[in-house]
PDB file of N, CA and C in Angstrom:
ATOM      1  N   MET A   1      25.579   8.205  11.235  1.00  0.00           N
ATOM      2  CA  MET A   1      25.416   7.303  10.120  1.00  0.00           C
ATOM      3  C   MET A   1      24.339   6.278  10.467  1.00  0.00           C
ATOM      4  N   ASP A   2      23.430   6.056   9.549  1.00  0.00           N
ATOM      5  CA  ASP A   2      22.361   5.082   9.748  1.00  0.00           C
ATOM      6  C   ASP A   2      22.856   3.690   9.383  1.00  0.00           C
ATOM      7  N   THR A   3      22.367   2.710  10.093  1.00  0.00           N
ATOM      8  CA  THR A   3      22.708   1.328   9.778  1.00  0.00           C
ATOM      9  C   THR A   3      21.453   0.601   9.334  1.00  0.00           C
ATOM     10  N   ALA A   4      21.634  -0.351   8.437  1.00  0.00           N
ATOM     11  CA  ALA A   4      20.501  -1.125   7.937  1.00  0.00           C
ATOM     12  C   ALA A   4      20.287  -2.352   8.821  1.00  0.00           C
ATOM     13  N   LEU A   5      19.049  -2.749   8.944  1.00  0.00           N
ATOM     14  CA  LEU A   5      18.688  -3.920   9.724  1.00  0.00           C
ATOM     15  C   LEU A   5      18.649  -5.127   8.790  1.00  0.00           C
ATOM     16  N   ASN A   6      19.377  -6.182   9.129  1.00  0.00           N
ATOM     17  CA  ASN A   6      19.391  -7.403   8.336  1.00  0.00           C
ATOM     18  C   ASN A   6      18.161  -8.226   8.711  1.00  0.00           C
ATOM     19  N   LEU A   7      17.169  -8.270   7.812  1.00  0.00           N
ATOM     20  CA  LEU A   7      15.905  -8.946   8.113  1.00  0.00           C
ATOM     21  C   LEU A   7      16.053 -10.451   8.275  1.00  0.00           C
ATOM     22  N   ARG A   8      17.122 -11.028   7.727  1.00  0.00           N
ATOM     23  CA  ARG A   8      17.324 -12.471   7.889  1.00  0.00           C
ATOM     24  C   ARG A   8      17.608 -12.841   9.339  1.00  0.00           C
ATOM     25  N   GLU A   9      18.113 -11.893  10.101  1.00  0.00           N
ATOM     26  CA  GLU A   9      18.451 -12.155  11.497  1.00  0.00           C
ATOM     27  C   GLU A   9      17.325 -11.803  12.463  1.00  0.00           C
ATOM     28  N   VAL A  10      16.265 -11.180  11.954  1.00  0.00           N
ATOM     29  CA  VAL A  10      15.147 -10.763  12.803  1.00  0.00           C
ATOM     30  C   VAL A  10      14.185 -11.936  12.958  1.00  0.00           C
ATOM     31  N   PRO A  11      13.887 -12.351  14.196  1.00  0.00           N
ATOM     32  CA  PRO A  11      12.979 -13.496  14.383  1.00  0.00           C
ATOM     33  C   PRO A  11      11.562 -13.195  13.899  1.00  0.00           C
ATOM     34  N   VAL A  12      10.949 -14.203  13.304  1.00  0.00           N
ATOM     35  CA  VAL A  12       9.566 -14.103  12.825  1.00  0.00           C
ATOM     36  C   VAL A  12       8.646 -14.640  13.916  1.00  0.00           C
ATOM     37  N   ILE A  13       7.587 -13.889  14.212  1.00  0.00           N
ATOM     38  CA  ILE A  13       6.607 -14.345  15.192  1.00  0.00           C
ATOM     39  C   ILE A  13       5.232 -14.406  14.534  1.00  0.00           C
ATOM     40  N   SER A  14       4.319 -15.105  15.157  1.00  0.00           N
ATOM     41  CA  SER A  14       2.948 -15.172  14.650  1.00  0.00           C
ATOM     42  C   SER A  14       2.130 -14.053  15.292  1.00  0.00           C
ATOM     43  N   PRO A  15       1.041 -13.644  14.659  1.00  0.00           N
ATOM     44  CA  PRO A  15       0.187 -12.617  15.267  1.00  0.00           C
ATOM     45  C   PRO A  15      -0.328 -13.011  16.651  1.00  0.00           C
ATOM     46  N   ASP A  16      -0.486 -14.306  16.902  1.00  0.00           N
ATOM     47  CA  ASP A  16      -0.945 -14.752  18.223  1.00  0.00           C
ATOM     48  C   ASP A  16       0.073 -14.444  19.315  1.00  0.00           C
ATOM     49  N   ALA A  17       1.344 -14.359  18.954  1.00  0.00           N
ATOM     50  CA  ALA A  17       2.389 -14.052  19.936  1.00  0.00           C
ATOM     51  C   ALA A  17       2.360 -12.582  20.364  1.00  0.00           C
ATOM     52  N   LEU A  18       1.579 -11.758  19.666  1.00  0.00           N
ATOM     53  CA  LEU A  18       1.518 -10.332  20.015  1.00  0.00           C
ATOM     54  C   LEU A  18       0.910 -10.091  21.390  1.00  0.00           C
ATOM     55  N   PHE A  19       0.130 -11.051  21.877  1.00  0.00           N
ATOM     56  CA  PHE A  19      -0.464 -10.883  23.201  1.00  0.00           C
ATOM     57  C   PHE A  19       0.599 -10.820  24.292  1.00  0.00           C
ATOM     58  N   ASN A  20       1.768 -11.426  24.040  1.00  0.00           N
ATOM     59  CA  ASN A  20       2.838 -11.470  25.032  1.00  0.00           C
ATOM     60  C   ASN A  20       3.933 -10.437  24.795  1.00  0.00           C
ATOM     61  N   ILE A  21       3.785  -9.618  23.748  1.00  0.00           N
ATOM     62  CA  ILE A  21       4.810  -8.645  23.383  1.00  0.00           C
ATOM     63  C   ILE A  21       4.640  -7.365  24.192  1.00  0.00           C
ATOM     64  N   GLN A  22       5.765  -6.829  24.661  1.00  0.00           N
ATOM     65  CA  GLN A  22       5.771  -5.509  25.278  1.00  0.00           C
ATOM     66  C   GLN A  22       6.488  -4.569  24.321  1.00  0.00           C
ATOM     67  N   TYR A  23       5.769  -3.580  23.827  1.00  0.00           N
ATOM     68  CA  TYR A  23       6.325  -2.659  22.845  1.00  0.00           C
ATOM     69  C   TYR A  23       7.218  -1.627  23.524  1.00  0.00           C
ATOM     70  N   ALA A  24       8.201  -1.137  22.764  1.00  0.00           N
ATOM     71  CA  ALA A  24       9.052  -0.061  23.260  1.00  0.00           C
ATOM     72  C   ALA A  24       8.190   1.180  23.480  1.00  0.00           C
ATOM     73  N   GLU A  25       8.595   2.014  24.408  1.00  0.00           N
ATOM     74  CA  GLU A  25       7.776   3.173  24.762  1.00  0.00           C
ATOM     75  C   GLU A  25       8.085   4.411  23.939  1.00  0.00           C
ATOM     76  N   LYS A  26       9.243   4.457  23.273  1.00  0.00           N
ATOM     77  CA  LYS A  26       9.574   5.645  22.494  1.00  0.00           C
ATOM     78  C   LYS A  26       9.593   5.322  21.002  1.00  0.00           C
ATOM     79  N   GLU A  27       9.604   6.366  20.204  1.00  0.00           N
ATOM     80  CA  GLU A  27       9.603   6.248  18.746  1.00  0.00           C
ATOM     81  C   GLU A  27      10.864   5.520  18.276  1.00  0.00           C
ATOM     82  N   VAL A  28      10.676   4.500  17.430  1.00  0.00           N
ATOM     83  CA  VAL A  28      11.789   3.699  16.939  1.00  0.00           C
ATOM     84  C   VAL A  28      12.536   4.408  15.802  1.00  0.00           C
ATOM     85  N   LEU A  29      11.871   5.294  15.085  1.00  0.00           N
ATOM     86  CA  LEU A  29      12.496   6.020  13.980  1.00  0.00           C
ATOM     87  C   LEU A  29      12.919   7.416  14.431  1.00  0.00           C
ATOM     88  N   ASP A  30      14.082   7.853  13.970  1.00  0.00           N
ATOM     89  CA  ASP A  30      14.614   9.141  14.390  1.00  0.00           C
ATOM     90  C   ASP A  30      14.273  10.279  13.431  1.00  0.00           C
ATOM     91  N   ARG A  31      14.257   9.990  12.151  1.00  0.00           N
ATOM     92  CA  ARG A  31      14.081  11.058  11.154  1.00  0.00           C
ATOM     93  C   ARG A  31      12.612  11.216  10.775  1.00  0.00           C
ATOM     94  N   MET A  32      12.199  12.463  10.611  1.00  0.00           N
ATOM     95  CA  MET A  32      10.816  12.756  10.218  1.00  0.00           C
ATOM     96  C   MET A  32      10.485  12.154   8.853  1.00  0.00           C
ATOM     97  N   GLU A  33      11.454  12.114   7.959  1.00  0.00           N
ATOM     98  CA  GLU A  33      11.227  11.535   6.634  1.00  0.00           C
ATOM     99  C   GLU A  33      10.900  10.047   6.746  1.00  0.00           C
ATOM    100  N   ASP A  34      11.597   9.335   7.621  1.00  0.00           N
ATOM    101  CA  ASP A  34      11.326   7.910   7.821  1.00  0.00           C
ATOM    102  C   ASP A  34       9.932   7.690   8.411  1.00  0.00           C
ATOM    103  N   ILE A  35       9.516   8.572   9.303  1.00  0.00           N
ATOM    104  CA  ILE A  35       8.183   8.481   9.907  1.00  0.00           C
ATOM    105  C   ILE A  35       7.106   8.712   8.846  1.00  0.00           C
ATOM    106  N   ARG A  36       7.359   9.675   7.949  1.00  0.00           N
ATOM    107  CA  ARG A  36       6.411   9.948   6.865  1.00  0.00           C
ATOM    108  C   ARG A  36       6.320   8.761   5.908  1.00  0.00           C
ATOM    109  N   VAL A  37       7.460   8.183   5.551  1.00  0.00           N
ATOM    110  CA  VAL A  37       7.486   7.029   4.638  1.00  0.00           C
ATOM    111  C   VAL A  37       6.755   5.847   5.268  1.00  0.00           C
ATOM    112  N   ARG A  38       6.944   5.628   6.572  1.00  0.00           N
ATOM    113  CA  ARG A  38       6.240   4.543   7.268  1.00  0.00           C
ATOM    114  C   ARG A  38       4.737   4.721   7.138  1.00  0.00           C
ATOM    115  N   ARG A  39       4.244   5.931   7.354  1.00  0.00           N
ATOM    116  CA  ARG A  39       2.796   6.187   7.273  1.00  0.00           C
ATOM    117  C   ARG A  39       2.275   5.982   5.852  1.00  0.00           C
ATOM    118  N   VAL A  40       3.013   6.447   4.859  1.00  0.00           N
ATOM    119  CA  VAL A  40       2.602   6.251   3.463  1.00  0.00           C
ATOM    120  C   VAL A  40       2.540   4.761   3.131  1.00  0.00           C
ATOM    121  N   ASN A  41       3.547   4.009   3.558  1.00  0.00           N
ATOM    122  CA  ASN A  41       3.560   2.565   3.297  1.00  0.00           C
ATOM    123  C   ASN A  41       2.428   1.843   4.012  1.00  0.00           C
ATOM    124  N   LEU A  42       2.087   2.275   5.212  1.00  0.00           N
ATOM    125  CA  LEU A  42       0.952   1.667   5.921  1.00  0.00           C
ATOM    126  C   LEU A  42      -0.365   1.976   5.220  1.00  0.00           C
ATOM    127  N   ASP A  43      -0.510   3.205   4.719  1.00  0.00           N
ATOM    128  CA  ASP A  43      -1.720   3.546   3.962  1.00  0.00           C
ATOM    129  C   ASP A  43      -1.831   2.686   2.705  1.00  0.00           C
ATOM    130  N   LYS A  44      -0.704   2.469   2.029  1.00  0.00           N
ATOM    131  CA  LYS A  44      -0.697   1.588   0.853  1.00  0.00           C
ATOM    132  C   LYS A  44      -1.069   0.163   1.248  1.00  0.00           C
ATOM    133  N   ALA A  45      -0.545  -0.298   2.373  1.00  0.00           N
ATOM    134  CA  ALA A  45      -0.821  -1.664   2.830  1.00  0.00           C
ATOM    135  C   ALA A  45      -2.308  -1.856   3.101  1.00  0.00           C
ATOM    136  N   VAL A  46      -2.965  -0.854   3.669  1.00  0.00           N
ATOM    137  CA  VAL A  46      -4.409  -0.946   3.924  1.00  0.00           C
ATOM    138  C   VAL A  46      -5.163  -1.031   2.605  1.00  0.00           C
ATOM    139  N   THR A  47      -4.833  -0.134   1.676  1.00  0.00           N
ATOM    140  CA  THR A  47      -5.532  -0.102   0.387  1.00  0.00           C
ATOM    141  C   THR A  47      -5.324  -1.389  -0.393  1.00  0.00           C
ATOM    142  N   LEU A  48      -4.087  -1.846  -0.496  1.00  0.00           N
ATOM    143  CA  LEU A  48      -3.797  -3.057  -1.258  1.00  0.00           C
ATOM    144  C   LEU A  48      -4.323  -4.310  -0.553  1.00  0.00           C
ATOM    145  N   GLY A  49      -4.330  -4.300   0.752  1.00  0.00           N
ATOM    146  CA  GLY A  49      -4.854  -5.435   1.496  1.00  0.00           C
ATOM    147  C   GLY A  49      -6.346  -5.603   1.313  1.00  0.00           C
ATOM    148  N   LYS A  50      -7.066  -4.483   1.251  1.00  0.00           N
ATOM    149  CA  LYS A  50      -8.520  -4.551   1.076  1.00  0.00           C
ATOM    150  C   LYS A  50      -8.908  -4.870  -0.357  1.00  0.00           C
ATOM    151  N   SER A  51      -8.203  -4.302  -1.329  1.00  0.00           N
ATOM    152  CA  SER A  51      -8.628  -4.468  -2.715  1.00  0.00           C
ATOM    153  C   SER A  51      -8.042  -5.712  -3.375  1.00  0.00           C
ATOM    154  N   ALA A  52      -6.755  -5.965  -3.189  1.00  0.00           N
ATOM    155  CA  ALA A  52      -6.104  -7.066  -3.898  1.00  0.00           C
ATOM    156  C   ALA A  52      -5.627  -8.170  -2.968  1.00  0.00           C
ATOM    157  N   LYS A  53      -5.949  -8.050  -1.680  1.00  0.00           N
ATOM    158  CA  LYS A  53      -5.524  -9.047  -0.680  1.00  0.00           C
ATOM    159  C   LYS A  53      -3.999  -9.226  -0.666  1.00  0.00           C
ATOM    160  N   ILE A  54      -3.281  -8.118  -0.872  1.00  0.00           N
ATOM    161  CA  ILE A  54      -1.820  -8.133  -0.798  1.00  0.00           C
ATOM    162  C   ILE A  54      -1.413  -8.207   0.667  1.00  0.00           C
ATOM    163  N   LYS A  55      -0.513  -9.112   0.981  1.00  0.00           N
ATOM    164  CA  LYS A  55      -0.058  -9.300   2.359  1.00  0.00           C
ATOM    165  C   LYS A  55       1.114  -8.354   2.664  1.00  0.00           C
ATOM    166  N   THR A  56       1.337  -8.128   3.947  1.00  0.00           N
ATOM    167  CA  THR A  56       2.331  -7.163   4.408  1.00  0.00           C
ATOM    168  C   THR A  56       3.278  -7.804   5.416  1.00  0.00           C
ATOM    169  N   ARG A  57       4.528  -7.318   5.422  1.00  0.00           N
ATOM    170  CA  ARG A  57       5.489  -7.695   6.456  1.00  0.00           C
ATOM    171  C   ARG A  57       5.756  -6.452   7.304  1.00  0.00           C
ATOM    172  N   LEU A  58       5.610  -6.586   8.609  1.00  0.00           N
ATOM    173  CA  LEU A  58       5.908  -5.506   9.543  1.00  0.00           C
ATOM    174  C   LEU A  58       7.098  -5.913  10.400  1.00  0.00           C
ATOM    175  N   VAL A  59       8.039  -4.997  10.562  1.00  0.00           N
ATOM    176  CA  VAL A  59       9.141  -5.192  11.499  1.00  0.00           C
ATOM    177  C   VAL A  59       8.866  -4.266  12.675  1.00  0.00           C
ATOM    178  N   LEU A  60       8.806  -4.844  13.868  1.00  0.00           N
ATOM    179  CA  LEU A  60       8.451  -4.105  15.079  1.00  0.00           C
ATOM    180  C   LEU A  60       9.627  -4.065  16.034  1.00  0.00           C
ATOM    181  N   TYR A  61       9.689  -2.996  16.821  1.00  0.00           N
ATOM    182  CA  TYR A  61      10.686  -2.912  17.868  1.00  0.00           C
ATOM    183  C   TYR A  61       9.994  -3.100  19.209  1.00  0.00           C
ATOM    184  N   THR A  62      10.433  -4.106  19.944  1.00  0.00           N
ATOM    185  CA  THR A  62       9.851  -4.417  21.246  1.00  0.00           C
ATOM    186  C   THR A  62      10.912  -4.211  22.326  1.00  0.00           C
ATOM    187  N   LYS A  63      10.523  -4.431  23.560  1.00  0.00           N
ATOM    188  CA  LYS A  63      11.489  -4.317  24.658  1.00  0.00           C
ATOM    189  C   LYS A  63      12.561  -5.398  24.575  1.00  0.00           C
ATOM    190  N   ASP A  64      12.286  -6.477  23.827  1.00  0.00           N
ATOM    191  CA  ASP A  64      13.254  -7.559  23.652  1.00  0.00           C
ATOM    192  C   ASP A  64      14.023  -7.460  22.343  1.00  0.00           C
ATOM    193  N   GLY A  65      13.810  -6.401  21.565  1.00  0.00           N
ATOM    194  CA  GLY A  65      14.493  -6.231  20.285  1.00  0.00           C
ATOM    195  C   GLY A  65      13.516  -6.287  19.121  1.00  0.00           C
ATOM    196  N   PHE A  66      14.061  -6.428  17.920  1.00  0.00           N
ATOM    197  CA  PHE A  66      13.243  -6.441  16.710  1.00  0.00           C
ATOM    198  C   PHE A  66      12.605  -7.809  16.491  1.00  0.00           C
ATOM    199  N   VAL A  67      11.357  -7.795  16.000  1.00  0.00           N
ATOM    200  CA  VAL A  67      10.652  -9.001  15.562  1.00  0.00           C
ATOM    201  C   VAL A  67       9.913  -8.656  14.276  1.00  0.00           C
ATOM    202  N   GLN A  68       9.565  -9.664  13.503  1.00  0.00           N
ATOM    203  CA  GLN A  68       8.800  -9.393  12.288  1.00  0.00           C
ATOM    204  C   GLN A  68       7.575 -10.286  12.193  1.00  0.00           C
ATOM    205  N   LEU A  69       6.552  -9.715  11.570  1.00  0.00           N
ATOM    206  CA  LEU A  69       5.307 -10.423  11.283  1.00  0.00           C
ATOM    207  C   LEU A  69       5.186 -10.504   9.772  1.00  0.00           C
ATOM    208  N   ASN A  70       5.014 -11.699   9.238  1.00  0.00           N
ATOM    209  CA  ASN A  70       4.927 -11.890   7.790  1.00  0.00           C
ATOM    210  C   ASN A  70       3.533 -12.326   7.371  1.00  0.00           C
ATOM    211  N   GLY A  71       3.148 -11.922   6.163  1.00  0.00           N
ATOM    212  CA  GLY A  71       1.933 -12.431   5.551  1.00  0.00           C
ATOM    213  C   GLY A  71       0.648 -12.024   6.225  1.00  0.00           C
ATOM    214  N   LEU A  72       0.562 -10.795   6.692  1.00  0.00           N
ATOM    215  CA  LEU A  72      -0.666 -10.350   7.332  1.00  0.00           C
ATOM    216  C   LEU A  72      -1.295  -9.215   6.532  1.00  0.00           C
ATOM    217  N   ILE A  73      -2.549  -8.943   6.823  1.00  0.00           N
ATOM    218  CA  ILE A  73      -3.261  -7.848   6.166  1.00  0.00           C
ATOM    219  C   ILE A  73      -3.528  -6.765   7.200  1.00  0.00           C
ATOM    220  N   VAL A  74      -3.142  -5.531   6.847  1.00  0.00           N
ATOM    221  CA  VAL A  74      -3.381  -4.382   7.714  1.00  0.00           C
ATOM    222  C   VAL A  74      -4.789  -3.882   7.422  1.00  0.00           C
ATOM    223  N   HIS A  75      -5.641  -3.809   8.452  1.00  0.00           N
ATOM    224  CA  HIS A  75      -7.039  -3.442   8.261  1.00  0.00           C
ATOM    225  C   HIS A  75      -7.317  -1.969   8.516  1.00  0.00           C
ATOM    226  N   PHE A  76      -6.560  -1.341   9.403  1.00  0.00           N
ATOM    227  CA  PHE A  76      -6.874   0.030   9.799  1.00  0.00           C
ATOM    228  C   PHE A  76      -5.593   0.733  10.250  1.00  0.00           C
ATOM    229  N   VAL A  77      -5.466   2.016   9.885  1.00  0.00           N
ATOM    230  CA  VAL A  77      -4.317   2.828  10.299  1.00  0.00           C
ATOM    231  C   VAL A  77      -4.820   4.164  10.806  1.00  0.00           C
ATOM    232  N   ASN A  78      -4.271   4.617  11.930  1.00  0.00           N
ATOM    233  CA  ASN A  78      -4.455   5.998  12.364  1.00  0.00           C
ATOM    234  C   ASN A  78      -3.145   6.468  12.991  1.00  0.00           C
ATOM    235  N   ASP A  79      -3.128   7.664  13.565  1.00  0.00           N
ATOM    236  CA  ASP A  79      -1.886   8.221  14.106  1.00  0.00           C
ATOM    237  C   ASP A  79      -1.360   7.453  15.308  1.00  0.00           C
ATOM    238  N   LYS A  80      -2.216   6.696  15.969  1.00  0.00           N
ATOM    239  CA  LYS A  80      -1.789   5.948  17.160  1.00  0.00           C
ATOM    240  C   LYS A  80      -1.246   4.571  16.825  1.00  0.00           C
ATOM    241  N   GLY A  81      -1.685   3.976  15.705  1.00  0.00           N
ATOM    242  CA  GLY A  81      -1.194   2.647  15.360  1.00  0.00           C
ATOM    243  C   GLY A  81      -1.999   1.982  14.269  1.00  0.00           C
ATOM    244  N   VAL A  82      -1.848   0.662  14.175  1.00  0.00           N
ATOM    245  CA  VAL A  82      -2.517  -0.117  13.139  1.00  0.00           C
ATOM    246  C   VAL A  82      -3.251  -1.293  13.765  1.00  0.00           C
ATOM    247  N   THR A  83      -4.267  -1.761  13.066  1.00  0.00           N
ATOM    248  CA  THR A  83      -4.974  -2.978  13.434  1.00  0.00           C
ATOM    249  C   THR A  83      -4.726  -3.994  12.331  1.00  0.00           C
ATOM    250  N   ILE A  84      -4.327  -5.214  12.733  1.00  0.00           N
ATOM    251  CA  ILE A  84      -4.041  -6.268  11.761  1.00  0.00           C
ATOM    252  C   ILE A  84      -5.004  -7.428  11.983  1.00  0.00           C
ATOM    253  N   ASP A  85      -4.799  -8.500  11.217  1.00  0.00           N
ATOM    254  CA  ASP A  85      -5.631  -9.705  11.347  1.00  0.00           C
ATOM    255  C   ASP A  85      -5.787 -10.094  12.809  1.00  0.00           C
ATOM    256  N   GLY A  86      -6.978 -10.519  13.172  1.00  0.00           N
ATOM    257  CA  GLY A  86      -7.240 -10.932  14.545  1.00  0.00           C
ATOM    258  C   GLY A  86      -7.484  -9.780  15.488  1.00  0.00           C
ATOM    259  N   ASP A  87      -7.711  -8.582  14.950  1.00  0.00           N
ATOM    260  CA  ASP A  87      -7.950  -7.363  15.740  1.00  0.00           C
ATOM    261  C   ASP A  87      -6.818  -7.059  16.716  1.00  0.00           C
ATOM    262  N   HIS A  88      -5.597  -7.339  16.309  1.00  0.00           N
ATOM    263  CA  HIS A  88      -4.431  -6.975  17.113  1.00  0.00           C
ATOM    264  C   HIS A  88      -4.072  -5.526  16.817  1.00  0.00           C
ATOM    265  N   PHE A  89      -3.837  -4.737  17.857  1.00  0.00           N
ATOM    266  CA  PHE A  89      -3.430  -3.340  17.690  1.00  0.00           C
ATOM    267  C   PHE A  89      -1.931  -3.230  17.943  1.00  0.00           C
ATOM    268  N   ILE A  90      -1.233  -2.543  17.029  1.00  0.00           N
ATOM    269  CA  ILE A  90       0.201  -2.322  17.158  1.00  0.00           C
ATOM    270  C   ILE A  90       0.434  -0.814  17.192  1.00  0.00           C
ATOM    271  N   PRO A  91       1.097  -0.308  18.238  1.00  0.00           N
ATOM    272  CA  PRO A  91       1.344   1.128  18.312  1.00  0.00           C
ATOM    273  C   PRO A  91       2.258   1.604  17.184  1.00  0.00           C
ATOM    274  N   MET A  92       1.948   2.783  16.642  1.00  0.00           N
ATOM    275  CA  MET A  92       2.692   3.331  15.512  1.00  0.00           C
ATOM    276  C   MET A  92       4.176   3.500  15.838  1.00  0.00           C
ATOM    277  N   HIS A  93       4.497   3.947  17.034  1.00  0.00           N
ATOM    278  CA  HIS A  93       5.893   4.258  17.368  1.00  0.00           C
ATOM    279  C   HIS A  93       6.792   3.021  17.422  1.00  0.00           C
ATOM    280  N   SER A  94       6.205   1.828  17.436  1.00  0.00           N
ATOM    281  CA  SER A  94       7.027   0.618  17.500  1.00  0.00           C
ATOM    282  C   SER A  94       7.223  -0.044  16.129  1.00  0.00           C
ATOM    283  N   ILE A  95       6.613   0.492  15.074  1.00  0.00           N
ATOM    284  CA  ILE A  95       6.740  -0.079  13.731  1.00  0.00           C
ATOM    285  C   ILE A  95       7.993   0.483  13.065  1.00  0.00           C
ATOM    286  N   TYR A  96       8.942  -0.403  12.779  1.00  0.00           N
ATOM    287  CA  TYR A  96      10.212  -0.002  12.181  1.00  0.00           C
ATOM    288  C   TYR A  96      10.143   0.041  10.660  1.00  0.00           C
ATOM    289  N   SER A  97       9.513  -0.966  10.048  1.00  0.00           N
ATOM    290  CA  SER A  97       9.389  -0.960   8.586  1.00  0.00           C
ATOM    291  C   SER A  97       8.141  -1.696   8.143  1.00  0.00           C
ATOM    292  N   VAL A  98       7.718  -1.360   6.918  1.00  0.00           N
ATOM    293  CA  VAL A  98       6.513  -1.918   6.307  1.00  0.00           C
ATOM    294  C   VAL A  98       6.860  -2.315   4.882  1.00  0.00           C
ATOM    295  N   ASP A  99       6.606  -3.571   4.512  1.00  0.00           N
ATOM    296  CA  ASP A  99       6.867  -4.036   3.151  1.00  0.00           C
ATOM    297  C   ASP A  99       5.689  -4.865   2.682  1.00  0.00           C
ATOM    298  N   MET A 100       5.289  -4.652   1.433  1.00  0.00           N
ATOM    299  CA  MET A 100       4.254  -5.498   0.839  1.00  0.00           C
ATOM    300  C   MET A 100       4.956  -6.711   0.228  1.00  0.00           C
ATOM    301  N   VAL A 101       4.427  -7.915   0.534  1.00  0.00           N
ATOM    302  CA  VAL A 101       5.052  -9.152   0.040  1.00  0.00           C
ATOM    303  C   VAL A 101       4.097  -9.927  -0.831  1.00  0.00           C
TER     304      VAL A 101
END
């Protein structure tokens, strides 16, 4: 049975704090469908961020647990990860969820 993550309990960090983050080494999502949905949502985030300046919320899984980044623009996506504001690279396997805000 899958459990939902309560986003109110997930600490919010700034993109500058990413320099000190150690990402988990394995894939955070178990189901292939969830991995596909994550990629589709990231592609949407890139398109909407470039055209309409729509901001994105990312929930990441790190070695210290879940953290979230709010109000950022995703600039680039590939199979290895994403690049966000400030040229920060986030590995794909550590991204738990993507929401446009």
